[in-house]
């Protein structure tokens, strides 16, 4: 909200007060309060999204396979295909949630149920009303991925250049298998 918009809102409230229009003052103050809350990215606690209604509504979004709440603000959605793991799907989910309450209090965490690699398994995470990586006031960034992005990047760097000597690579693989066999209990 710009200073000019704030001044205009306050002038309208003051005008209503001078005219004795208590309903106008109330509406103006509620709008001012909403604008202020939005400017500091504070979700409306009086309009929390109902969890069960949200789960039911999201099931109708194309590609959604399952939905679960991780905590009071993080929603985990698993989609059927890698292509459905997208910001567009998060948008569709958030649109379904809008009639249910203030979506500023909801972070959608989207994962592919068809993932075959670490990159495909990575979770897309976004607050419904903010850009990726941004969170609402007092909303902590929760690490939902099992493998943190930093560890995945380090693994890629370490495995980007296999040893040039094929015999050395074979010995390393054999050693890894021996360790695996020695530490795996038999069923």
N, C-alpha and C. Protein backbone atom coordinates (compact mmCIF):
# COMPACT_ATOMS: atom_id res chain seq x y z
N UNK A 1 0.86 -1.17 0.00
CA UNK A 1 0.00 0.00 0.00
C UNK A 1 0.91 1.24 0.00
N UNK A 2 0.66 2.14 -0.95
CA UNK A 2 1.49 3.33 -1.07
C UNK A 2 1.06 4.39 -0.05
N UNK A 3 1.92 5.35 0.24
CA UNK A 3 1.54 6.43 1.16
C UNK A 3 0.31 7.21 0.67
N UNK A 4 0.18 7.37 -0.63
CA UNK A 4 -0.97 8.08 -1.19
C UNK A 4 -2.26 7.28 -0.93
N UNK A 5 -2.19 5.96 -1.15
CA UNK A 5 -3.36 5.12 -0.89
C UNK A 5 -3.73 5.12 0.60
N UNK A 6 -2.72 5.11 1.45
CA UNK A 6 -2.96 5.16 2.89
C UNK A 6 -3.63 6.48 3.28
N UNK A 7 -3.11 7.58 2.74
CA UNK A 7 -3.69 8.90 3.04
C UNK A 7 -5.13 8.98 2.55
N UNK A 8 -5.40 8.45 1.37
CA UNK A 8 -6.77 8.46 0.83
C UNK A 8 -7.70 7.62 1.70
N UNK A 9 -7.22 6.46 2.14
CA UNK A 9 -8.04 5.59 3.00
C UNK A 9 -8.34 6.31 4.32
N UNK A 10 -7.33 6.95 4.92
CA UNK A 10 -7.52 7.66 6.19
C UNK A 10 -8.47 8.85 6.01
N UNK A 11 -8.35 9.55 4.88
CA UNK A 11 -9.25 10.69 4.62
C UNK A 11 -10.69 10.22 4.50
N UNK A 12 -10.90 9.07 3.85
CA UNK A 12 -12.25 8.54 3.71
C UNK A 12 -12.81 8.13 5.08
N UNK A 13 -11.98 7.53 5.92
CA UNK A 13 -12.42 7.15 7.27
C UNK A 13 -12.77 8.40 8.07
N UNK A 14 -11.93 9.40 7.99
CA UNK A 14 -12.17 10.65 8.72
C UNK A 14 -13.45 11.32 8.22
N UNK A 15 -13.66 11.31 6.89
CA UNK A 15 -14.89 11.88 6.33
C UNK A 15 -16.12 11.17 6.85
N UNK A 16 -16.06 9.85 6.92
CA UNK A 16 -17.19 9.07 7.46
C UNK A 16 -17.43 9.42 8.92
N UNK A 17 -16.35 9.58 9.69
CA UNK A 17 -16.47 9.93 11.11
C UNK A 17 -17.12 11.30 11.27
N UNK A 18 -16.70 12.28 10.46
CA UNK A 18 -17.26 13.63 10.54
C UNK A 18 -18.76 13.61 10.22
N UNK A 19 -19.15 12.77 9.26
CA UNK A 19 -20.56 12.67 8.88
C UNK A 19 -21.37 11.81 9.85
N UNK A 20 -20.70 11.17 10.78
CA UNK A 20 -21.39 10.32 11.75
C UNK A 20 -21.75 8.95 11.18
N UNK A 21 -21.11 8.57 10.10
CA UNK A 21 -21.37 7.29 9.44
C UNK A 21 -20.50 6.21 10.09
N UNK A 22 -21.03 5.61 11.16
CA UNK A 22 -20.26 4.61 11.90
C UNK A 22 -19.98 3.36 11.05
N UNK A 23 -20.95 3.00 10.22
CA UNK A 23 -20.74 1.84 9.34
C UNK A 23 -19.62 2.12 8.35
N UNK A 24 -19.55 3.32 7.81
CA UNK A 24 -18.48 3.72 6.90
C UNK A 24 -17.12 3.70 7.59
N UNK A 25 -17.09 4.17 8.85
CA UNK A 25 -15.85 4.15 9.62
C UNK A 25 -15.41 2.70 9.85
N UNK A 26 -16.36 1.84 10.21
CA UNK A 26 -16.05 0.42 10.46
C UNK A 26 -15.50 -0.24 9.20
N UNK A 27 -16.19 -0.05 8.06
CA UNK A 27 -15.72 -0.64 6.79
C UNK A 27 -14.34 -0.11 6.42
N UNK A 28 -14.14 1.19 6.59
CA UNK A 28 -12.85 1.80 6.27
C UNK A 28 -11.73 1.26 7.14
N UNK A 29 -11.99 1.11 8.43
CA UNK A 29 -10.97 0.59 9.34
C UNK A 29 -10.67 -0.89 9.05
N UNK A 30 -11.71 -1.66 8.71
CA UNK A 30 -11.47 -3.06 8.35
C UNK A 30 -10.61 -3.16 7.09
N UNK A 31 -10.93 -2.31 6.10
CA UNK A 31 -10.13 -2.31 4.87
C UNK A 31 -8.71 -1.86 5.15
N UNK A 32 -8.55 -0.85 5.99
CA UNK A 32 -7.21 -0.38 6.36
C UNK A 32 -6.44 -1.49 7.07
N UNK A 33 -7.10 -2.17 7.98
CA UNK A 33 -6.49 -3.29 8.70
C UNK A 33 -6.07 -4.39 7.73
N UNK A 34 -6.95 -4.74 6.78
CA UNK A 34 -6.61 -5.76 5.78
C UNK A 34 -5.41 -5.34 4.94
N UNK A 35 -5.40 -4.07 4.50
CA UNK A 35 -4.28 -3.57 3.71
C UNK A 35 -2.97 -3.62 4.50
N UNK A 36 -3.04 -3.23 5.77
CA UNK A 36 -1.84 -3.25 6.61
C UNK A 36 -1.34 -4.67 6.79
N UNK A 37 -2.28 -5.59 7.09
CA UNK A 37 -1.90 -6.99 7.29
C UNK A 37 -1.25 -7.56 6.03
N UNK A 38 -1.79 -7.23 4.87
CA UNK A 38 -1.21 -7.70 3.61
C UNK A 38 0.17 -7.09 3.38
N UNK A 39 0.34 -5.83 3.75
CA UNK A 39 1.62 -5.17 3.51
C UNK A 39 2.74 -5.80 4.34
N UNK A 40 2.40 -6.37 5.49
CA UNK A 40 3.43 -7.04 6.30
C UNK A 40 3.37 -8.56 6.15
N UNK A 41 2.55 -9.03 5.19
CA UNK A 41 2.42 -10.46 4.88
C UNK A 41 1.95 -11.28 6.07
N UNK A 42 0.94 -10.78 6.75
CA UNK A 42 0.40 -11.46 7.92
C UNK A 42 -0.94 -12.10 7.55
N UNK A 43 -1.03 -13.41 7.68
CA UNK A 43 -2.26 -14.12 7.38
C UNK A 43 -3.34 -13.75 8.38
N UNK A 44 -4.59 -13.74 7.93
CA UNK A 44 -5.73 -13.40 8.78
C UNK A 44 -6.07 -14.60 9.66
N UNK A 45 -5.82 -14.50 10.97
CA UNK A 45 -6.09 -15.64 11.84
C UNK A 45 -7.58 -15.99 11.95
N UNK A 46 -8.43 -15.04 11.63
CA UNK A 46 -9.88 -15.29 11.69
C UNK A 46 -10.37 -16.04 10.45
N UNK A 47 -9.54 -16.16 9.43
CA UNK A 47 -9.94 -16.80 8.18
C UNK A 47 -9.01 -17.95 7.81
N UNK A 48 -8.64 -18.78 8.78
CA UNK A 48 -7.77 -19.92 8.49
C UNK A 48 -8.49 -20.89 7.56
N UNK A 49 -7.73 -21.49 6.67
CA UNK A 49 -8.27 -22.47 5.73
C UNK A 49 -8.61 -23.75 6.49
N UNK A 50 -9.84 -24.23 6.33
CA UNK A 50 -10.27 -25.47 6.98
C UNK A 50 -9.52 -26.64 6.33
N UNK A 51 -8.84 -27.42 7.13
CA UNK A 51 -7.96 -28.48 6.61
C UNK A 51 -8.70 -29.56 5.83
N UNK A 52 -9.76 -30.07 6.39
CA UNK A 52 -10.48 -31.16 5.70
C UNK A 52 -11.18 -30.67 4.44
N UNK A 53 -11.73 -29.47 4.49
CA UNK A 53 -12.36 -28.90 3.28
C UNK A 53 -11.29 -28.68 2.21
N UNK A 54 -10.10 -28.29 2.62
CA UNK A 54 -9.00 -28.07 1.67
C UNK A 54 -8.60 -29.39 1.02
N UNK A 55 -8.46 -30.42 1.81
CA UNK A 55 -8.09 -31.73 1.26
C UNK A 55 -9.11 -32.20 0.24
N UNK A 56 -10.39 -32.01 0.55
CA UNK A 56 -11.45 -32.44 -0.38
C UNK A 56 -11.43 -31.61 -1.66
N UNK A 57 -11.22 -30.31 -1.54
CA UNK A 57 -11.22 -29.43 -2.72
C UNK A 57 -10.03 -29.71 -3.63
N UNK A 58 -8.88 -29.98 -3.05
CA UNK A 58 -7.67 -30.17 -3.84
C UNK A 58 -7.70 -31.48 -4.61
N UNK A 59 -8.40 -32.47 -4.11
CA UNK A 59 -8.46 -33.76 -4.80
C UNK A 59 -9.02 -33.64 -6.22
N UNK A 60 -9.74 -32.55 -6.51
CA UNK A 60 -10.35 -32.35 -7.83
C UNK A 60 -9.38 -31.69 -8.82
N UNK A 61 -8.22 -31.27 -8.37
CA UNK A 61 -7.23 -30.65 -9.26
C UNK A 61 -6.60 -31.75 -10.11
N UNK A 62 -6.47 -31.50 -11.41
CA UNK A 62 -5.89 -32.48 -12.33
C UNK A 62 -4.52 -32.94 -11.86
N UNK A 63 -4.34 -34.27 -11.82
CA UNK A 63 -3.04 -34.83 -11.50
C UNK A 63 -2.79 -35.11 -10.03
N UNK A 64 -3.64 -34.58 -9.14
CA UNK A 64 -3.42 -34.77 -7.70
C UNK A 64 -3.73 -36.21 -7.31
N UNK A 65 -2.76 -36.84 -6.66
CA UNK A 65 -2.92 -38.23 -6.21
C UNK A 65 -3.25 -38.32 -4.73
N UNK A 66 -2.57 -37.50 -3.90
CA UNK A 66 -2.87 -37.52 -2.47
C UNK A 66 -2.53 -36.17 -1.85
N UNK A 67 -3.18 -35.90 -0.72
CA UNK A 67 -3.03 -34.62 -0.02
C UNK A 67 -2.95 -34.89 1.47
N UNK A 68 -2.00 -34.22 2.14
CA UNK A 68 -1.88 -34.36 3.59
C UNK A 68 -1.32 -33.06 4.17
N UNK A 69 -1.79 -32.70 5.35
CA UNK A 69 -1.23 -31.54 6.06
C UNK A 69 -0.03 -32.01 6.86
N UNK A 70 1.09 -31.34 6.72
CA UNK A 70 2.30 -31.65 7.48
C UNK A 70 2.21 -31.00 8.86
N UNK A 71 1.76 -29.75 8.88
CA UNK A 71 1.55 -29.00 10.11
C UNK A 71 0.45 -27.98 9.82
N UNK A 72 0.29 -26.96 10.66
CA UNK A 72 -0.83 -26.04 10.51
C UNK A 72 -0.73 -25.12 9.30
N UNK A 73 0.42 -25.08 8.61
CA UNK A 73 0.54 -24.20 7.44
C UNK A 73 1.11 -24.89 6.20
N UNK A 74 1.71 -26.05 6.33
CA UNK A 74 2.34 -26.76 5.21
C UNK A 74 1.48 -27.92 4.73
N UNK A 75 1.15 -27.86 3.45
CA UNK A 75 0.32 -28.87 2.81
C UNK A 75 1.20 -29.64 1.84
N UNK A 76 1.21 -30.97 1.95
CA UNK A 76 1.97 -31.82 1.03
C UNK A 76 1.00 -32.42 0.04
N UNK A 77 1.29 -32.18 -1.25
CA UNK A 77 0.45 -32.70 -2.33
C UNK A 77 1.34 -33.54 -3.23
N UNK A 78 0.92 -34.78 -3.47
CA UNK A 78 1.66 -35.66 -4.37
C UNK A 78 0.84 -35.78 -5.66
N UNK A 79 1.52 -35.52 -6.77
CA UNK A 79 0.86 -35.59 -8.07
C UNK A 79 1.30 -36.85 -8.80
N UNK A 80 0.48 -37.26 -9.77
CA UNK A 80 0.70 -38.54 -10.45
C UNK A 80 1.83 -38.53 -11.47
N UNK A 81 2.16 -37.36 -12.03
CA UNK A 81 3.19 -37.30 -13.07
C UNK A 81 4.23 -36.24 -12.75
N UNK A 82 5.40 -36.39 -13.36
CA UNK A 82 6.45 -35.40 -13.18
C UNK A 82 6.05 -34.06 -13.79
N UNK A 83 5.29 -34.10 -14.88
CA UNK A 83 4.86 -32.87 -15.53
C UNK A 83 3.90 -32.06 -14.65
N UNK A 84 3.14 -32.74 -13.81
CA UNK A 84 2.19 -32.05 -12.93
C UNK A 84 2.89 -31.38 -11.74
N UNK A 85 4.15 -31.71 -11.53
CA UNK A 85 4.94 -31.06 -10.47
C UNK A 85 5.43 -29.73 -11.02
N UNK A 86 4.54 -28.71 -10.92
CA UNK A 86 4.84 -27.42 -11.53
C UNK A 86 4.21 -26.28 -10.73
N UNK A 87 4.70 -25.08 -10.99
CA UNK A 87 4.11 -23.90 -10.35
C UNK A 87 2.66 -23.73 -10.81
N UNK A 88 2.33 -24.15 -12.01
CA UNK A 88 0.94 -24.06 -12.51
C UNK A 88 0.01 -24.92 -11.65
N UNK A 89 0.46 -26.10 -11.27
CA UNK A 89 -0.35 -26.96 -10.40
C UNK A 89 -0.52 -26.31 -9.04
N UNK A 90 0.53 -25.69 -8.52
CA UNK A 90 0.41 -24.97 -7.24
C UNK A 90 -0.62 -23.86 -7.39
N UNK A 91 -0.59 -23.13 -8.51
CA UNK A 91 -1.59 -22.08 -8.76
C UNK A 91 -3.00 -22.66 -8.73
N UNK A 92 -3.21 -23.80 -9.42
CA UNK A 92 -4.53 -24.44 -9.46
C UNK A 92 -4.99 -24.84 -8.06
N UNK A 93 -4.07 -25.36 -7.26
CA UNK A 93 -4.40 -25.76 -5.89
C UNK A 93 -4.80 -24.53 -5.07
N UNK A 94 -4.03 -23.47 -5.19
CA UNK A 94 -4.31 -22.25 -4.43
C UNK A 94 -5.65 -21.63 -4.82
N UNK A 95 -6.00 -21.70 -6.10
CA UNK A 95 -7.30 -21.19 -6.56
C UNK A 95 -8.43 -21.99 -5.91
N UNK A 96 -8.24 -23.29 -5.79
CA UNK A 96 -9.26 -24.12 -5.12
C UNK A 96 -9.39 -23.77 -3.64
N UNK A 97 -8.30 -23.32 -3.02
CA UNK A 97 -8.31 -23.00 -1.59
C UNK A 97 -8.88 -21.61 -1.28
N UNK A 98 -8.86 -20.71 -2.26
CA UNK A 98 -9.27 -19.31 -2.00
C UNK A 98 -10.63 -19.17 -1.33
N UNK A 99 -11.67 -19.88 -1.77
CA UNK A 99 -12.97 -19.70 -1.10
C UNK A 99 -13.01 -20.24 0.33
N UNK A 100 -11.98 -20.98 0.73
CA UNK A 100 -11.99 -21.63 2.04
C UNK A 100 -11.33 -20.81 3.14
N UNK A 101 -10.69 -19.69 2.77
CA UNK A 101 -10.03 -18.88 3.79
C UNK A 101 -8.86 -18.10 3.23
N UNK A 102 -8.04 -17.57 4.13
CA UNK A 102 -6.89 -16.76 3.75
C UNK A 102 -5.72 -17.66 3.36
N UNK A 103 -5.44 -17.73 2.08
CA UNK A 103 -4.38 -18.62 1.58
C UNK A 103 -2.98 -18.08 1.84
N UNK A 104 -2.87 -16.89 2.41
CA UNK A 104 -1.55 -16.40 2.80
C UNK A 104 -0.97 -17.28 3.91
N UNK A 105 -1.82 -17.99 4.60
CA UNK A 105 -1.38 -18.88 5.67
C UNK A 105 -1.10 -20.30 5.21
N UNK A 106 -1.03 -20.54 3.88
CA UNK A 106 -0.83 -21.89 3.35
C UNK A 106 0.40 -21.95 2.46
N UNK A 107 1.26 -22.93 2.73
CA UNK A 107 2.40 -23.22 1.86
C UNK A 107 2.12 -24.58 1.23
N UNK A 108 2.11 -24.62 -0.11
CA UNK A 108 1.89 -25.87 -0.83
C UNK A 108 3.25 -26.47 -1.15
N UNK A 109 3.44 -27.73 -0.77
CA UNK A 109 4.65 -28.49 -1.07
C UNK A 109 4.24 -29.59 -2.04
N UNK A 110 4.77 -29.53 -3.26
CA UNK A 110 4.33 -30.41 -4.34
C UNK A 110 5.42 -31.40 -4.71
N UNK A 111 5.06 -32.69 -4.74
CA UNK A 111 6.03 -33.74 -5.06
C UNK A 111 5.44 -34.68 -6.10
N UNK A 112 6.30 -35.18 -6.98
CA UNK A 112 5.86 -36.13 -8.00
C UNK A 112 5.86 -37.54 -7.45
N UNK A 113 4.77 -38.25 -7.67
CA UNK A 113 4.69 -39.65 -7.27
C UNK A 113 5.30 -40.57 -8.32
N UNK A 114 5.71 -40.02 -9.47
CA UNK A 114 6.30 -40.81 -10.55
C UNK A 114 7.80 -40.56 -10.66
N UNK A 115 8.40 -39.95 -9.67
CA UNK A 115 9.82 -39.58 -9.73
C UNK A 115 10.70 -40.80 -9.85
N UNK A 116 11.74 -40.66 -10.70
CA UNK A 116 12.72 -41.73 -10.88
C UNK A 116 14.13 -41.27 -10.58
N UNK A 117 14.28 -40.00 -10.23
CA UNK A 117 15.61 -39.47 -9.91
C UNK A 117 15.46 -38.46 -8.78
N UNK A 118 16.59 -38.08 -8.23
CA UNK A 118 16.58 -37.09 -7.16
C UNK A 118 16.02 -35.76 -7.61
N UNK A 119 16.33 -35.37 -8.85
CA UNK A 119 15.82 -34.10 -9.36
C UNK A 119 14.30 -34.14 -9.51
N UNK A 120 13.77 -35.25 -10.00
CA UNK A 120 12.32 -35.38 -10.15
C UNK A 120 11.62 -35.49 -8.80
N UNK A 121 12.34 -35.99 -7.81
CA UNK A 121 11.77 -36.16 -6.48
C UNK A 121 11.75 -34.86 -5.68
N UNK A 122 12.53 -33.88 -6.10
CA UNK A 122 12.61 -32.62 -5.38
C UNK A 122 11.23 -31.97 -5.25
N UNK A 123 10.96 -31.42 -4.08
CA UNK A 123 9.65 -30.83 -3.78
C UNK A 123 9.66 -29.35 -4.16
N UNK A 124 8.62 -28.96 -4.90
CA UNK A 124 8.39 -27.53 -5.17
C UNK A 124 7.58 -27.00 -4.00
N UNK A 125 7.97 -25.86 -3.49
CA UNK A 125 7.31 -25.30 -2.30
C UNK A 125 7.04 -23.82 -2.52
N UNK A 126 5.79 -23.40 -2.23
CA UNK A 126 5.46 -21.98 -2.39
C UNK A 126 4.24 -21.61 -1.56
N UNK A 127 4.30 -20.42 -0.96
CA UNK A 127 3.14 -19.84 -0.31
C UNK A 127 2.15 -19.46 -1.41
N UNK A 128 0.88 -19.68 -1.19
CA UNK A 128 -0.13 -19.44 -2.22
C UNK A 128 -0.14 -18.01 -2.75
N UNK A 129 0.18 -17.04 -1.94
CA UNK A 129 0.07 -15.65 -2.39
C UNK A 129 1.40 -14.96 -2.64
N UNK A 130 2.50 -15.69 -2.47
CA UNK A 130 3.81 -15.06 -2.58
C UNK A 130 4.66 -15.75 -3.64
N UNK A 131 5.77 -15.14 -3.97
CA UNK A 131 6.68 -15.72 -4.96
C UNK A 131 7.44 -16.88 -4.32
N UNK A 132 7.95 -17.81 -5.15
CA UNK A 132 8.72 -18.93 -4.59
C UNK A 132 9.86 -18.43 -3.71
N UNK A 133 9.99 -19.06 -2.54
CA UNK A 133 11.04 -18.70 -1.59
C UNK A 133 10.61 -17.69 -0.55
N UNK A 134 9.52 -16.96 -0.79
CA UNK A 134 9.03 -15.95 0.15
C UNK A 134 8.02 -16.60 1.10
N UNK A 135 7.98 -16.16 2.32
CA UNK A 135 7.05 -16.69 3.31
C UNK A 135 6.30 -15.55 3.97
N UNK A 136 5.14 -15.87 4.51
CA UNK A 136 4.34 -14.89 5.25
C UNK A 136 5.02 -14.58 6.58
N UNK A 137 4.57 -13.52 7.22
CA UNK A 137 5.10 -13.10 8.51
C UNK A 137 4.98 -14.24 9.51
N UNK A 138 6.06 -14.55 10.19
CA UNK A 138 6.14 -15.60 11.22
C UNK A 138 6.00 -17.01 10.64
N UNK A 139 6.08 -17.17 9.33
CA UNK A 139 5.98 -18.48 8.70
C UNK A 139 7.39 -18.95 8.42
N UNK A 140 7.81 -20.00 9.10
CA UNK A 140 9.18 -20.46 8.93
C UNK A 140 9.30 -21.30 7.67
N UNK A 141 10.50 -21.32 7.12
CA UNK A 141 10.77 -22.15 5.95
C UNK A 141 11.05 -23.55 6.45
N UNK A 142 10.18 -24.46 6.13
CA UNK A 142 10.34 -25.83 6.59
C UNK A 142 11.00 -26.67 5.50
N UNK A 143 12.03 -27.41 5.87
CA UNK A 143 12.70 -28.31 4.92
C UNK A 143 11.85 -29.57 4.79
N UNK A 144 11.18 -29.72 3.66
CA UNK A 144 10.29 -30.85 3.45
C UNK A 144 10.99 -31.96 2.66
N UNK A 145 11.90 -31.57 1.78
CA UNK A 145 12.65 -32.57 1.01
C UNK A 145 13.42 -33.48 1.94
N UNK A 146 13.42 -34.77 1.64
CA UNK A 146 14.19 -35.73 2.44
C UNK A 146 15.67 -35.46 2.26
N UNK A 147 16.06 -35.18 1.03
CA UNK A 147 17.46 -34.85 0.74
C UNK A 147 17.53 -33.35 0.48
N UNK A 148 18.22 -32.62 1.35
CA UNK A 148 18.30 -31.16 1.17
C UNK A 148 18.95 -30.80 -0.17
N UNK A 149 18.52 -29.70 -0.79
CA UNK A 149 19.07 -29.30 -2.09
C UNK A 149 20.60 -29.16 -2.10
N UNK A 150 21.18 -28.70 -0.99
CA UNK A 150 22.63 -28.54 -0.93
C UNK A 150 23.33 -29.90 -1.04
N UNK A 151 22.78 -30.92 -0.38
CA UNK A 151 23.37 -32.25 -0.42
C UNK A 151 23.20 -32.86 -1.81
N UNK A 152 22.06 -32.64 -2.45
CA UNK A 152 21.83 -33.12 -3.80
C UNK A 152 22.84 -32.49 -4.77
N UNK A 153 23.07 -31.18 -4.63
CA UNK A 153 24.02 -30.47 -5.50
C UNK A 153 25.44 -31.00 -5.28
N UNK A 154 25.80 -31.25 -4.01
CA UNK A 154 27.14 -31.78 -3.72
C UNK A 154 27.30 -33.17 -4.33
N UNK A 155 26.27 -33.98 -4.24
CA UNK A 155 26.30 -35.32 -4.82
C UNK A 155 26.50 -35.25 -6.34
N UNK A 156 25.81 -34.33 -6.99
CA UNK A 156 25.96 -34.15 -8.44
C UNK A 156 27.39 -33.74 -8.79
N UNK A 157 27.94 -32.81 -8.01
CA UNK A 157 29.31 -32.37 -8.26
C UNK A 157 30.29 -33.53 -8.09
N UNK A 158 30.11 -34.31 -7.05
CA UNK A 158 31.02 -35.41 -6.76
C UNK A 158 30.95 -36.51 -7.82
N UNK A 159 29.78 -36.69 -8.42
CA UNK A 159 29.60 -37.76 -9.39
C UNK A 159 29.62 -37.29 -10.83
N UNK A 160 29.94 -36.03 -11.05
CA UNK A 160 29.94 -35.49 -12.40
C UNK A 160 31.10 -36.03 -13.22
N UNK A 161 32.22 -36.31 -12.58
CA UNK A 161 33.40 -36.77 -13.29
C UNK A 161 33.84 -38.12 -12.76
N UNK A 162 33.41 -39.21 -13.42
CA UNK A 162 33.84 -40.53 -12.94
C UNK A 162 35.34 -40.71 -13.17
N UNK A 163 35.94 -41.59 -12.42
CA UNK A 163 37.37 -41.81 -12.59
C UNK A 163 37.69 -42.20 -14.04
N UNK A 164 38.81 -41.70 -14.54
CA UNK A 164 39.21 -41.97 -15.92
C UNK A 164 39.65 -43.42 -16.10
N UNK A 165 40.13 -44.03 -15.04
CA UNK A 165 40.65 -45.40 -15.09
C UNK A 165 39.50 -46.39 -14.87
N UNK A 166 39.10 -47.16 -15.90
CA UNK A 166 37.98 -48.10 -15.74
C UNK A 166 38.26 -49.19 -14.70
N UNK A 167 39.51 -49.57 -14.56
CA UNK A 167 39.86 -50.59 -13.57
C UNK A 167 39.65 -50.05 -12.15
N UNK A 168 40.02 -48.81 -11.96
CA UNK A 168 39.82 -48.16 -10.64
C UNK A 168 38.33 -48.06 -10.32
N UNK A 169 37.53 -47.70 -11.32
CA UNK A 169 36.07 -47.61 -11.14
C UNK A 169 35.51 -48.98 -10.76
N UNK A 170 35.95 -50.04 -11.44
CA UNK A 170 35.49 -51.39 -11.13
C UNK A 170 35.83 -51.78 -9.69
N UNK A 171 37.07 -51.46 -9.25
CA UNK A 171 37.48 -51.78 -7.87
C UNK A 171 36.62 -51.01 -6.86
N UNK A 172 36.34 -49.74 -7.15
CA UNK A 172 35.50 -48.93 -6.26
C UNK A 172 34.09 -49.52 -6.15
N UNK A 173 33.56 -49.96 -7.28
CA UNK A 173 32.22 -50.56 -7.27
C UNK A 173 32.21 -51.88 -6.50
N UNK A 174 33.25 -52.69 -6.69
CA UNK A 174 33.34 -53.95 -5.95
C UNK A 174 33.44 -53.70 -4.45
N UNK A 175 34.25 -52.71 -4.06
CA UNK A 175 34.40 -52.36 -2.65
C UNK A 175 33.05 -51.88 -2.07
N UNK A 176 32.34 -51.08 -2.83
CA UNK A 176 31.03 -50.59 -2.38
C UNK A 176 30.06 -51.76 -2.19
N UNK A 177 30.09 -52.74 -3.11
CA UNK A 177 29.23 -53.92 -2.97
C UNK A 177 29.61 -54.76 -1.76
N UNK A 178 30.92 -54.92 -1.51
CA UNK A 178 31.36 -55.68 -0.32
C UNK A 178 30.84 -55.01 0.96
N UNK A 179 30.97 -53.70 1.02
CA UNK A 179 30.50 -52.97 2.20
C UNK A 179 29.00 -53.12 2.35
N UNK A 180 28.28 -53.00 1.25
CA UNK A 180 26.82 -53.13 1.28
C UNK A 180 26.41 -54.52 1.75
N UNK A 181 27.04 -55.54 1.20
CA UNK A 181 26.72 -56.92 1.58
C UNK A 181 27.08 -57.19 3.04
N UNK A 182 28.17 -56.64 3.50
CA UNK A 182 28.64 -56.90 4.87
C UNK A 182 27.75 -56.19 5.91
N UNK A 183 27.13 -55.09 5.51
CA UNK A 183 26.33 -54.32 6.48
C UNK A 183 24.83 -54.52 6.33
N UNK A 184 24.41 -55.35 5.36
CA UNK A 184 22.98 -55.59 5.17
C UNK A 184 22.61 -56.91 5.82
N UNK A 185 21.66 -56.88 6.77
CA UNK A 185 21.26 -58.14 7.40
C UNK A 185 20.46 -59.01 6.42
N UNK A 186 20.61 -60.32 6.58
CA UNK A 186 19.88 -61.24 5.71
C UNK A 186 18.45 -61.39 6.21
N UNK A 187 17.56 -61.61 5.28
CA UNK A 187 16.13 -61.77 5.63
C UNK A 187 15.78 -63.21 5.75
